[in-house]
Amino acid sequence: MAVPALTHDEQVRATLPPGLRPVLDRLAPVPREASRAASPEVEDELALLGSHLAGRSANTRRAYAADWRRRRVWCERNGRTALPADPGDVALYLASAHLTDPGAGRPANSSAAVARWSGAIAAVHTAHDLPTPTTRPPAAAVLRLLRARGSTRRPASRPLTDAEFRRLLAALPPPTSGPRPPHGGATGSPSPAPQAWAPTRSWP
Protein backbone atom coordinates (compact mmCIF):
# COMPACT_ATOMS: atom_id res chain seq x y z
CA MET A 1 0.00 0.00 0.00
CA ALA A 2 1.48 3.33 -1.06
CA VAL A 3 2.31 5.82 1.68
CA PRO A 4 0.74 9.23 0.94
CA ALA A 5 3.22 12.02 0.36
CA LEU A 6 3.67 14.58 3.12
CA THR A 7 2.12 17.97 2.64
CA HIS A 8 4.30 21.07 2.60
CA ASP A 9 3.57 21.93 6.23
CA GLU A 10 4.14 18.33 7.33
CA GLN A 11 7.58 18.43 5.71
CA VAL A 12 8.38 21.69 7.49
CA ARG A 13 7.25 20.28 10.84
CA ALA A 14 9.23 17.09 10.27
CA THR A 15 12.48 19.07 10.32
CA LEU A 16 11.86 19.94 13.99
CA PRO A 17 12.35 17.67 17.00
CA PRO A 18 9.02 16.27 18.25
CA GLY A 19 9.10 18.48 21.32
CA LEU A 20 9.25 21.67 19.24
CA ARG A 21 6.53 20.87 16.73
CA PRO A 22 3.56 21.84 18.96
CA VAL A 23 5.23 25.20 19.65
CA LEU A 24 4.74 26.25 16.02
CA ASP A 25 1.03 26.68 16.58
CA ARG A 26 1.57 28.96 19.59
CA LEU A 27 4.01 31.43 18.08
CA ALA A 28 3.00 35.06 17.65
CA PRO A 29 3.30 36.37 14.08
CA VAL A 30 5.51 39.28 13.11
CA PRO A 31 3.79 42.45 11.80
CA ARG A 32 4.89 43.67 8.38
CA GLU A 33 6.26 46.93 9.74
CA ALA A 34 8.63 45.04 12.05
CA SER A 35 11.57 45.49 9.65
CA ARG A 36 11.44 49.25 10.28
CA ALA A 37 11.34 49.19 14.09
CA ALA A 38 14.52 49.28 16.15
CA SER A 39 15.47 50.01 19.76
CA PRO A 40 18.81 51.62 20.74
CA GLU A 41 20.13 48.15 21.59
CA VAL A 42 19.18 46.88 18.14
CA GLU A 43 20.74 49.93 16.52
CA ASP A 44 24.04 49.09 18.24
CA GLU A 45 23.80 45.54 16.87
CA LEU A 46 23.05 46.90 13.40
CA ALA A 47 26.05 49.21 13.56
CA LEU A 48 28.34 46.28 14.28
CA LEU A 49 26.61 44.28 11.54
CA GLY A 50 27.19 47.13 9.09
CA SER A 51 30.90 47.15 9.89
CA HIS A 52 31.04 43.39 9.42
CA LEU A 53 29.35 43.71 6.02
CA ALA A 54 31.41 46.70 4.87
CA GLY A 55 32.58 44.83 1.79
CA ARG A 56 29.08 43.83 0.69
CA SER A 57 26.70 45.83 -1.50
CA ALA A 58 24.44 48.52 -0.07
CA ASN A 59 21.38 46.43 -0.99
CA THR A 60 22.70 43.46 0.99
CA ARG A 61 23.44 45.62 4.02
CA ARG A 62 19.94 47.13 3.92
CA ALA A 63 18.31 43.72 3.51
CA TYR A 64 20.26 42.16 6.39
CA ALA A 65 19.46 45.14 8.64
CA ALA A 66 15.74 44.78 7.93
CA ASP A 67 15.97 41.01 8.44
CA TRP A 68 17.63 41.45 11.83
CA ARG A 69 15.00 43.97 12.95
CA ARG A 70 12.33 41.45 12.00
CA ARG A 71 14.13 38.71 13.93
CA ARG A 72 14.37 40.97 16.98
CA VAL A 73 10.65 41.72 16.96
CA TRP A 74 9.85 38.01 16.64
CA CYS A 75 12.01 37.23 19.68
CA GLU A 76 10.37 39.98 21.75
CA ARG A 77 6.85 38.84 20.83
CA ASN A 78 7.63 35.20 21.59
CA GLY A 79 9.85 35.57 24.63
CA ARG A 80 13.01 34.30 22.92
CA THR A 81 16.61 35.44 23.25
CA ALA A 82 17.88 36.99 20.03
CA LEU A 83 21.60 37.16 20.82
CA PRO A 84 23.05 34.67 21.29
CA ALA A 85 20.30 32.62 19.72
CA ASP A 86 19.43 29.04 20.58
CA PRO A 87 19.44 26.81 17.44
CA GLY A 88 16.01 25.49 18.42
CA ASP A 89 14.60 29.01 18.53
CA VAL A 90 16.13 29.76 15.13
CA ALA A 91 14.57 26.58 13.75
CA LEU A 92 11.16 27.68 15.04
CA TYR A 93 11.63 31.13 13.57
CA LEU A 94 12.52 29.84 10.12
CA ALA A 95 9.96 27.01 10.08
CA SER A 96 7.07 29.22 11.20
CA ALA A 97 7.87 31.71 8.43
CA HIS A 98 7.69 28.99 5.77
CA LEU A 99 4.35 27.43 6.77
CA THR A 100 1.44 27.75 4.38
CA ASP A 101 -0.59 30.95 4.44
CA PRO A 102 -4.22 29.68 4.56
CA GLY A 103 -5.48 32.69 2.63
CA ALA A 104 -2.96 32.40 -0.21
CA GLY A 105 -2.63 28.63 -0.28
CA ARG A 106 1.18 28.82 -0.53
CA PRO A 107 4.10 29.36 1.89
CA ALA A 108 3.77 32.68 3.70
CA ASN A 109 7.37 33.49 2.75
CA SER A 110 9.50 32.06 -0.04
CA SER A 111 12.34 29.68 0.70
CA ALA A 112 14.79 32.26 -0.68
CA ALA A 113 13.54 34.96 1.70
CA VAL A 114 13.65 32.70 4.75
CA ALA A 115 17.12 31.45 3.81
CA ARG A 116 18.27 35.06 3.60
CA TRP A 117 16.88 35.69 7.09
CA SER A 118 19.07 32.86 8.34
CA GLY A 119 22.03 34.54 6.65
CA ALA A 120 21.32 37.72 8.59
CA ILE A 121 21.18 35.78 11.85
CA ALA A 122 24.50 34.12 11.05
CA ALA A 123 26.11 37.45 10.08
CA VAL A 124 25.05 39.18 13.31
CA HIS A 125 26.45 36.32 15.40
CA THR A 126 29.71 36.33 13.46
CA ALA A 127 29.97 40.11 13.86
CA HIS A 128 29.67 39.63 17.64
CA ASP A 129 32.18 36.73 17.70
CA LEU A 130 29.45 34.29 18.70
CA PRO A 131 28.85 30.73 17.44
CA THR A 132 26.57 30.59 14.41
CA PRO A 133 23.28 28.89 15.39
CA THR A 134 22.15 28.29 11.80
CA THR A 135 24.74 25.56 11.23
CA ARG A 136 23.64 23.49 14.23
CA PRO A 137 20.61 21.22 14.59
CA PRO A 138 17.70 21.64 14.43
CA ALA A 139 18.14 24.93 12.53
CA ALA A 140 20.41 23.22 10.01
CA ALA A 141 17.66 20.70 9.17
CA VAL A 142 15.19 23.49 8.37
CA LEU A 143 17.76 25.14 6.13
CA ARG A 144 18.35 21.90 4.24
CA LEU A 145 14.64 21.77 3.44
CA LEU A 146 14.69 25.41 2.33
CA ARG A 147 17.64 24.80 0.02
CA ALA A 148 15.90 21.76 -1.45
CA ARG A 149 12.75 23.82 -1.99
CA GLY A 150 14.67 26.66 -3.57
CA SER A 151 16.75 24.57 -5.94
CA THR A 152 15.61 24.46 -9.56
CA ARG A 153 16.45 21.82 -12.11
CA ARG A 154 16.37 22.41 -15.80
CA PRO A 155 14.46 19.71 -17.69
CA ALA A 156 16.72 17.30 -19.50
CA SER A 157 16.89 17.80 -23.25
CA ARG A 158 16.05 14.97 -25.64
CA PRO A 159 16.58 14.33 -29.34
CA LEU A 160 13.79 15.09 -31.80
CA THR A 161 11.57 12.27 -32.93
CA ASP A 162 11.23 11.49 -36.66
CA ALA A 163 7.79 13.10 -36.75
CA GLU A 164 9.07 16.28 -35.06
CA PHE A 165 12.02 16.48 -37.42
CA ARG A 166 9.75 16.12 -40.49
CA ARG A 167 7.52 18.90 -39.18
CA LEU A 168 10.55 21.18 -38.79
CA LEU A 169 11.63 20.45 -42.38
CA ALA A 170 8.12 21.08 -43.68
CA ALA A 171 8.06 24.45 -41.95
CA LEU A 172 11.20 25.69 -43.76
CA PRO A 173 10.54 28.30 -46.48
CA PRO A 174 10.77 27.03 -50.09
CA PRO A 175 13.95 27.84 -52.07
CA THR A 176 13.85 31.06 -54.10
CA SER A 177 13.45 30.70 -57.91
CA GLY A 178 14.80 32.84 -60.74
CA PRO A 179 18.06 33.33 -62.64
CA ARG A 180 21.26 33.16 -60.65
CA PRO A 181 24.25 35.37 -61.56
CA PRO A 182 27.35 33.64 -62.95
CA HIS A 183 29.76 32.60 -60.26
CA GLY A 184 32.44 30.49 -61.80
CA GLY A 185 35.74 32.36 -61.55
CA ALA A 186 37.89 33.73 -64.41
CA THR A 187 36.38 31.60 -67.15
CA GLY A 188 32.83 32.69 -66.25
CA SER A 189 31.59 29.12 -66.16
CA PRO A 190 28.57 28.70 -63.93
CA SER A 191 29.03 27.03 -60.61
CA PRO A 192 27.45 23.64 -59.96
CA ALA A 193 23.87 23.60 -58.77
CA PRO A 194 23.63 23.81 -54.99
CA GLN A 195 23.14 20.55 -53.19
CA ALA A 196 20.03 20.04 -51.13
CA TRP A 197 20.54 20.52 -47.38
CA ALA A 198 20.73 17.31 -45.42
CA PRO A 199 21.16 16.76 -41.69
CA THR A 200 24.69 16.00 -40.57
CA ARG A 201 23.51 13.62 -37.86
CA SER A 202 20.97 10.86 -37.58
CA TRP A 203 17.92 11.30 -35.34
CA PRO A 204 16.57 8.39 -33.36
C-alpha atoms as a PDB file:
ATOM      1  CA  MET A   1       0.000   0.000   0.000  1.00  0.00           C
ATOM      2  CA  ALA A   2       1.480   3.327  -1.056  1.00  0.00           C
ATOM      3  CA  VAL A   3       2.306   5.822   1.680  1.00  0.00           C
ATOM      4  CA  PRO A   4       0.744   9.229   0.936  1.00  0.00           C
ATOM      5  CA  ALA A   5       3.225  12.020   0.357  1.00  0.00           C
ATOM      6  CA  LEU A   6       3.672  14.577   3.115  1.00  0.00           C
ATOM      7  CA  THR A   7       2.121  17.971   2.644  1.00  0.00           C
ATOM      8  CA  HIS A   8       4.301  21.069   2.600  1.00  0.00           C
ATOM      9  CA  ASP A   9       3.565  21.932   6.226  1.00  0.00           C
ATOM     10  CA  GLU A  10       4.140  18.327   7.328  1.00  0.00           C
ATOM     11  CA  GLN A  11       7.576  18.426   5.706  1.00  0.00           C
ATOM     12  CA  VAL A  12       8.384  21.689   7.493  1.00  0.00           C
ATOM     13  CA  ARG A  13       7.251  20.279  10.841  1.00  0.00           C
ATOM     14  CA  ALA A  14       9.227  17.090  10.274  1.00  0.00           C
ATOM     15  CA  THR A  15      12.484  19.068  10.321  1.00  0.00           C
ATOM     16  CA  LEU A  16      11.860  19.936  13.990  1.00  0.00           C
ATOM     17  CA  PRO A  17      12.355  17.668  17.003  1.00  0.00           C
ATOM     18  CA  PRO A  18       9.018  16.265  18.252  1.00  0.00           C
ATOM     19  CA  GLY A  19       9.104  18.482  21.324  1.00  0.00           C
ATOM     20  CA  LEU A  20       9.251  21.673  19.245  1.00  0.00           C
ATOM     21  CA  ARG A  21       6.527  20.875  16.727  1.00  0.00           C
ATOM     22  CA  PRO A  22       3.558  21.836  18.962  1.00  0.00           C
ATOM     23  CA  VAL A  23       5.234  25.196  19.652  1.00  0.00           C
ATOM     24  CA  LEU A  24       4.743  26.250  16.023  1.00  0.00           C
ATOM     25  CA  ASP A  25       1.026  26.680  16.584  1.00  0.00           C
ATOM     26  CA  ARG A  26       1.568  28.959  19.594  1.00  0.00           C
ATOM     27  CA  LEU A  27       4.014  31.432  18.076  1.00  0.00           C
ATOM     28  CA  ALA A  28       2.997  35.065  17.654  1.00  0.00           C
ATOM     29  CA  PRO A  29       3.303  36.370  14.076  1.00  0.00           C
ATOM     30  CA  VAL A  30       5.513  39.277  13.107  1.00  0.00           C
ATOM     31  CA  PRO A  31       3.794  42.449  11.795  1.00  0.00           C
ATOM     32  CA  ARG A  32       4.890  43.673   8.381  1.00  0.00           C
ATOM     33  CA  GLU A  33       6.262  46.932   9.743  1.00  0.00           C
ATOM     34  CA  ALA A  34       8.632  45.039  12.049  1.00  0.00           C
ATOM     35  CA  SER A  35      11.567  45.492   9.652  1.00  0.00           C
ATOM     36  CA  ARG A  36      11.443  49.255  10.276  1.00  0.00           C
ATOM     37  CA  ALA A  37      11.341  49.187  14.089  1.00  0.00           C
ATOM     38  CA  ALA A  38      14.523  49.278  16.154  1.00  0.00           C
ATOM     39  CA  SER A  39      15.474  50.011  19.761  1.00  0.00           C
ATOM     40  CA  PRO A  40      18.814  51.617  20.742  1.00  0.00           C
ATOM     41  CA  GLU A  41      20.135  48.150  21.586  1.00  0.00           C
ATOM     42  CA  VAL A  42      19.178  46.879  18.145  1.00  0.00           C
ATOM     43  CA  GLU A  43      20.745  49.929  16.516  1.00  0.00           C
ATOM     44  CA  ASP A  44      24.045  49.088  18.244  1.00  0.00           C
ATOM     45  CA  GLU A  45      23.796  45.536  16.869  1.00  0.00           C
ATOM     46  CA  LEU A  46      23.048  46.898  13.403  1.00  0.00           C
ATOM     47  CA  ALA A  47      26.055  49.214  13.562  1.00  0.00           C
ATOM     48  CA  LEU A  48      28.338  46.277  14.282  1.00  0.00           C
ATOM     49  CA  LEU A  49      26.607  44.275  11.536  1.00  0.00           C
ATOM     50  CA  GLY A  50      27.190  47.125   9.087  1.00  0.00           C
ATOM     51  CA  SER A  51      30.901  47.152   9.888  1.00  0.00           C
ATOM     52  CA  HIS A  52      31.041  43.394   9.424  1.00  0.00           C
ATOM     53  CA  LEU A  53      29.348  43.714   6.020  1.00  0.00           C
ATOM     54  CA  ALA A  54      31.407  46.697   4.874  1.00  0.00           C
ATOM     55  CA  GLY A  55      32.578  44.830   1.790  1.00  0.00           C
ATOM     56  CA  ARG A  56      29.078  43.834   0.693  1.00  0.00           C
ATOM     57  CA  SER A  57      26.699  45.826  -1.497  1.00  0.00           C
ATOM     58  CA  ALA A  58      24.435  48.516  -0.066  1.00  0.00           C
ATOM     59  CA  ASN A  59      21.377  46.426  -0.995  1.00  0.00           C
ATOM     60  CA  THR A  60      22.704  43.460   0.987  1.00  0.00           C
ATOM     61  CA  ARG A  61      23.442  45.624   4.022  1.00  0.00           C
ATOM     62  CA  ARG A  62      19.942  47.128   3.922  1.00  0.00           C
ATOM     63  CA  ALA A  63      18.307  43.725   3.508  1.00  0.00           C
ATOM     64  CA  TYR A  64      20.257  42.161   6.385  1.00  0.00           C
ATOM     65  CA  ALA A  65      19.464  45.135   8.642  1.00  0.00           C
ATOM     66  CA  ALA A  66      15.736  44.775   7.928  1.00  0.00           C
ATOM     67  CA  ASP A  67      15.974  41.013   8.438  1.00  0.00           C
ATOM     68  CA  TRP A  68      17.635  41.450  11.826  1.00  0.00           C
ATOM     69  CA  ARG A  69      15.005  43.965  12.949  1.00  0.00           C
ATOM     70  CA  ARG A  70      12.329  41.446  12.002  1.00  0.00           C
ATOM     71  CA  ARG A  71      14.127  38.709  13.926  1.00  0.00           C
ATOM     72  CA  ARG A  72      14.372  40.965  16.983  1.00  0.00           C
ATOM     73  CA  VAL A  73      10.649  41.717  16.962  1.00  0.00           C
ATOM     74  CA  TRP A  74       9.847  38.012  16.639  1.00  0.00           C
ATOM     75  CA  CYS A  75      12.006  37.234  19.678  1.00  0.00           C
ATOM     76  CA  GLU A  76      10.366  39.980  21.751  1.00  0.00           C
ATOM     77  CA  ARG A  77       6.845  38.835  20.830  1.00  0.00           C
ATOM     78  CA  ASN A  78       7.626  35.197  21.591  1.00  0.00           C
ATOM     79  CA  GLY A  79       9.853  35.570  24.635  1.00  0.00           C
ATOM     80  CA  ARG A  80      13.012  34.296  22.925  1.00  0.00           C
ATOM     81  CA  THR A  81      16.606  35.439  23.247  1.00  0.00           C
ATOM     82  CA  ALA A  82      17.885  36.986  20.028  1.00  0.00           C
ATOM     83  CA  LEU A  83      21.598  37.158  20.815  1.00  0.00           C
ATOM     84  CA  PRO A  84      23.050  34.672  21.295  1.00  0.00           C
ATOM     85  CA  ALA A  85      20.297  32.617  19.725  1.00  0.00           C
ATOM     86  CA  ASP A  86      19.429  29.039  20.579  1.00  0.00           C
ATOM     87  CA  PRO A  87      19.443  26.815  17.442  1.00  0.00           C
ATOM     88  CA  GLY A  88      16.014  25.492  18.425  1.00  0.00           C
ATOM     89  CA  ASP A  89      14.600  29.015  18.529  1.00  0.00           C
ATOM     90  CA  VAL A  90      16.129  29.762  15.130  1.00  0.00           C
ATOM     91  CA  ALA A  91      14.568  26.582  13.752  1.00  0.00           C
ATOM     92  CA  LEU A  92      11.157  27.676  15.042  1.00  0.00           C
ATOM     93  CA  TYR A  93      11.631  31.134  13.569  1.00  0.00           C
ATOM     94  CA  LEU A  94      12.523  29.839  10.119  1.00  0.00           C
ATOM     95  CA  ALA A  95       9.964  27.011  10.083  1.00  0.00           C
ATOM     96  CA  SER A  96       7.073  29.220  11.200  1.00  0.00           C
ATOM     97  CA  ALA A  97       7.870  31.707   8.428  1.00  0.00           C
ATOM     98  CA  HIS A  98       7.688  28.986   5.774  1.00  0.00           C
ATOM     99  CA  LEU A  99       4.350  27.432   6.767  1.00  0.00           C
ATOM    100  CA  THR A 100       1.437  27.747   4.381  1.00  0.00           C
ATOM    101  CA  ASP A 101      -0.587  30.948   4.435  1.00  0.00           C
ATOM    102  CA  PRO A 102      -4.223  29.681   4.555  1.00  0.00           C
ATOM    103  CA  GLY A 103      -5.478  32.693   2.635  1.00  0.00           C
ATOM    104  CA  ALA A 104      -2.964  32.404  -0.206  1.00  0.00           C
ATOM    105  CA  GLY A 105      -2.630  28.630  -0.281  1.00  0.00           C
ATOM    106  CA  ARG A 106       1.176  28.823  -0.529  1.00  0.00           C
ATOM    107  CA  PRO A 107       4.098  29.358   1.887  1.00  0.00           C
ATOM    108  CA  ALA A 108       3.772  32.678   3.696  1.00  0.00           C
ATOM    109  CA  ASN A 109       7.369  33.493   2.749  1.00  0.00           C
ATOM    110  CA  SER A 110       9.495  32.061  -0.044  1.00  0.00           C
ATOM    111  CA  SER A 111      12.336  29.676   0.698  1.00  0.00           C
ATOM    112  CA  ALA A 112      14.788  32.255  -0.680  1.00  0.00           C
ATOM    113  CA  ALA A 113      13.543  34.962   1.699  1.00  0.00           C
ATOM    114  CA  VAL A 114      13.647  32.697   4.751  1.00  0.00           C
ATOM    115  CA  ALA A 115      17.123  31.450   3.813  1.00  0.00           C
ATOM    116  CA  ARG A 116      18.275  35.064   3.599  1.00  0.00           C
ATOM    117  CA  TRP A 117      16.881  35.687   7.086  1.00  0.00           C
ATOM    118  CA  SER A 118      19.069  32.859   8.336  1.00  0.00           C
ATOM    119  CA  GLY A 119      22.029  34.537   6.647  1.00  0.00           C
ATOM    120  CA  ALA A 120      21.325  37.724   8.591  1.00  0.00           C
ATOM    121  CA  ILE A 121      21.185  35.776  11.851  1.00  0.00           C
ATOM    122  CA  ALA A 122      24.505  34.123  11.052  1.00  0.00           C
ATOM    123  CA  ALA A 123      26.107  37.447  10.081  1.00  0.00           C
ATOM    124  CA  VAL A 124      25.054  39.177  13.313  1.00  0.00           C
ATOM    125  CA  HIS A 125      26.449  36.321  15.402  1.00  0.00           C
ATOM    126  CA  THR A 126      29.709  36.329  13.456  1.00  0.00           C
ATOM    127  CA  ALA A 127      29.973  40.106  13.856  1.00  0.00           C
ATOM    128  CA  HIS A 128      29.674  39.634  17.640  1.00  0.00           C
ATOM    129  CA  ASP A 129      32.178  36.731  17.697  1.00  0.00           C
ATOM    130  CA  LEU A 130      29.448  34.291  18.703  1.00  0.00           C
ATOM    131  CA  PRO A 131      28.848  30.731  17.439  1.00  0.00           C
ATOM    132  CA  THR A 132      26.566  30.587  14.413  1.00  0.00           C
ATOM    133  CA  PRO A 133      23.277  28.887  15.388  1.00  0.00           C
ATOM    134  CA  THR A 134      22.146  28.289  11.805  1.00  0.00           C
ATOM    135  CA  THR A 135      24.744  25.558  11.231  1.00  0.00           C
ATOM    136  CA  ARG A 136      23.635  23.495  14.229  1.00  0.00           C
ATOM    137  CA  PRO A 137      20.605  21.223  14.594  1.00  0.00           C
ATOM    138  CA  PRO A 138      17.698  21.640  14.429  1.00  0.00           C
ATOM    139  CA  ALA A 139      18.136  24.935  12.529  1.00  0.00           C
ATOM    140  CA  ALA A 140      20.406  23.225  10.014  1.00  0.00           C
ATOM    141  CA  ALA A 141      17.658  20.703   9.175  1.00  0.00           C
ATOM    142  CA  VAL A 142      15.192  23.486   8.373  1.00  0.00           C
ATOM    143  CA  LEU A 143      17.763  25.143   6.126  1.00  0.00           C
ATOM    144  CA  ARG A 144      18.348  21.895   4.238  1.00  0.00           C
ATOM    145  CA  LEU A 145      14.641  21.769   3.444  1.00  0.00           C
ATOM    146  CA  LEU A 146      14.689  25.415   2.334  1.00  0.00           C
ATOM    147  CA  ARG A 147      17.637  24.798   0.024  1.00  0.00           C
ATOM    148  CA  ALA A 148      15.904  21.757  -1.448  1.00  0.00           C
ATOM    149  CA  ARG A 149      12.755  23.820  -1.992  1.00  0.00           C
ATOM    150  CA  GLY A 150      14.675  26.661  -3.566  1.00  0.00           C
ATOM    151  CA  SER A 151      16.754  24.574  -5.944  1.00  0.00           C
ATOM    152  CA  THR A 152      15.612  24.464  -9.556  1.00  0.00           C
ATOM    153  CA  ARG A 153      16.449  21.821 -12.110  1.00  0.00           C
ATOM    154  CA  ARG A 154      16.370  22.407 -15.803  1.00  0.00           C
ATOM    155  CA  PRO A 155      14.461  19.712 -17.687  1.00  0.00           C
ATOM    156  CA  ALA A 156      16.720  17.297 -19.499  1.00  0.00           C
ATOM    157  CA  SER A 157      16.893  17.797 -23.249  1.00  0.00           C
ATOM    158  CA  ARG A 158      16.055  14.966 -25.644  1.00  0.00           C
ATOM    159  CA  PRO A 159      16.585  14.333 -29.339  1.00  0.00           C
ATOM    160  CA  LEU A 160      13.794  15.090 -31.799  1.00  0.00           C
ATOM    161  CA  THR A 161      11.566  12.271 -32.932  1.00  0.00           C
ATOM    162  CA  ASP A 162      11.234  11.491 -36.664  1.00  0.00           C
ATOM    163  CA  ALA A 163       7.793  13.103 -36.752  1.00  0.00           C
ATOM    164  CA  GLU A 164       9.066  16.279 -35.058  1.00  0.00           C
ATOM    165  CA  PHE A 165      12.017  16.480 -37.419  1.00  0.00           C
ATOM    166  CA  ARG A 166       9.752  16.122 -40.490  1.00  0.00           C
ATOM    167  CA  ARG A 167       7.522  18.905 -39.178  1.00  0.00           C
ATOM    168  CA  LEU A 168      10.546  21.177 -38.791  1.00  0.00           C
ATOM    169  CA  LEU A 169      11.631  20.454 -42.382  1.00  0.00           C
ATOM    170  CA  ALA A 170       8.117  21.077 -43.682  1.00  0.00           C
ATOM    171  CA  ALA A 171       8.056  24.455 -41.949  1.00  0.00           C
ATOM    172  CA  LEU A 172      11.198  25.694 -43.759  1.00  0.00           C
ATOM    173  CA  PRO A 173      10.538  28.305 -46.479  1.00  0.00           C
ATOM    174  CA  PRO A 174      10.768  27.033 -50.090  1.00  0.00           C
ATOM    175  CA  PRO A 175      13.949  27.841 -52.069  1.00  0.00           C
ATOM    176  CA  THR A 176      13.852  31.064 -54.099  1.00  0.00           C
ATOM    177  CA  SER A 177      13.455  30.697 -57.907  1.00  0.00           C
ATOM    178  CA  GLY A 178      14.797  32.840 -60.740  1.00  0.00           C
ATOM    179  CA  PRO A 179      18.062  33.334 -62.644  1.00  0.00           C
ATOM    180  CA  ARG A 180      21.265  33.160 -60.650  1.00  0.00           C
ATOM    181  CA  PRO A 181      24.253  35.369 -61.564  1.00  0.00           C
ATOM    182  CA  PRO A 182      27.354  33.635 -62.955  1.00  0.00           C
ATOM    183  CA  HIS A 183      29.763  32.596 -60.258  1.00  0.00           C
ATOM    184  CA  GLY A 184      32.440  30.491 -61.802  1.00  0.00           C
ATOM    185  CA  GLY A 185      35.736  32.356 -61.547  1.00  0.00           C
ATOM    186  CA  ALA A 186      37.893  33.729 -64.413  1.00  0.00           C
ATOM    187  CA  THR A 187      36.379  31.598 -67.155  1.00  0.00           C
ATOM    188  CA  GLY A 188      32.826  32.690 -66.247  1.00  0.00           C
ATOM    189  CA  SER A 189      31.588  29.119 -66.163  1.00  0.00           C
ATOM    190  CA  PRO A 190      28.570  28.705 -63.929  1.00  0.00           C
ATOM    191  CA  SER A 191      29.027  27.034 -60.609  1.00  0.00           C
ATOM    192  CA  PRO A 192      27.445  23.637 -59.964  1.00  0.00           C
ATOM    193  CA  ALA A 193      23.872  23.599 -58.772  1.00  0.00           C
ATOM    194  CA  PRO A 194      23.634  23.811 -54.989  1.00  0.00           C
ATOM    195  CA  GLN A 195      23.144  20.549 -53.191  1.00  0.00           C
ATOM    196  CA  ALA A 196      20.028  20.040 -51.130  1.00  0.00           C
ATOM    197  CA  TRP A 197      20.540  20.520 -47.378  1.00  0.00           C
ATOM    198  CA  ALA A 198      20.726  17.313 -45.420  1.00  0.00           C
ATOM    199  CA  PRO A 199      21.156  16.756 -41.694  1.00  0.00           C
ATOM    200  CA  THR A 200      24.687  16.003 -40.574  1.00  0.00           C
ATOM    201  CA  ARG A 201      23.513  13.617 -37.858  1.00  0.00           C
ATOM    202  CA  SER A 202      20.967  10.861 -37.578  1.00  0.00           C
ATOM    203  CA  TRP A 203      17.923  11.301 -35.338  1.00  0.00           C
ATOM    204  CA  PRO A 204      16.574   8.390 -33.362  1.00  0.00           C
END
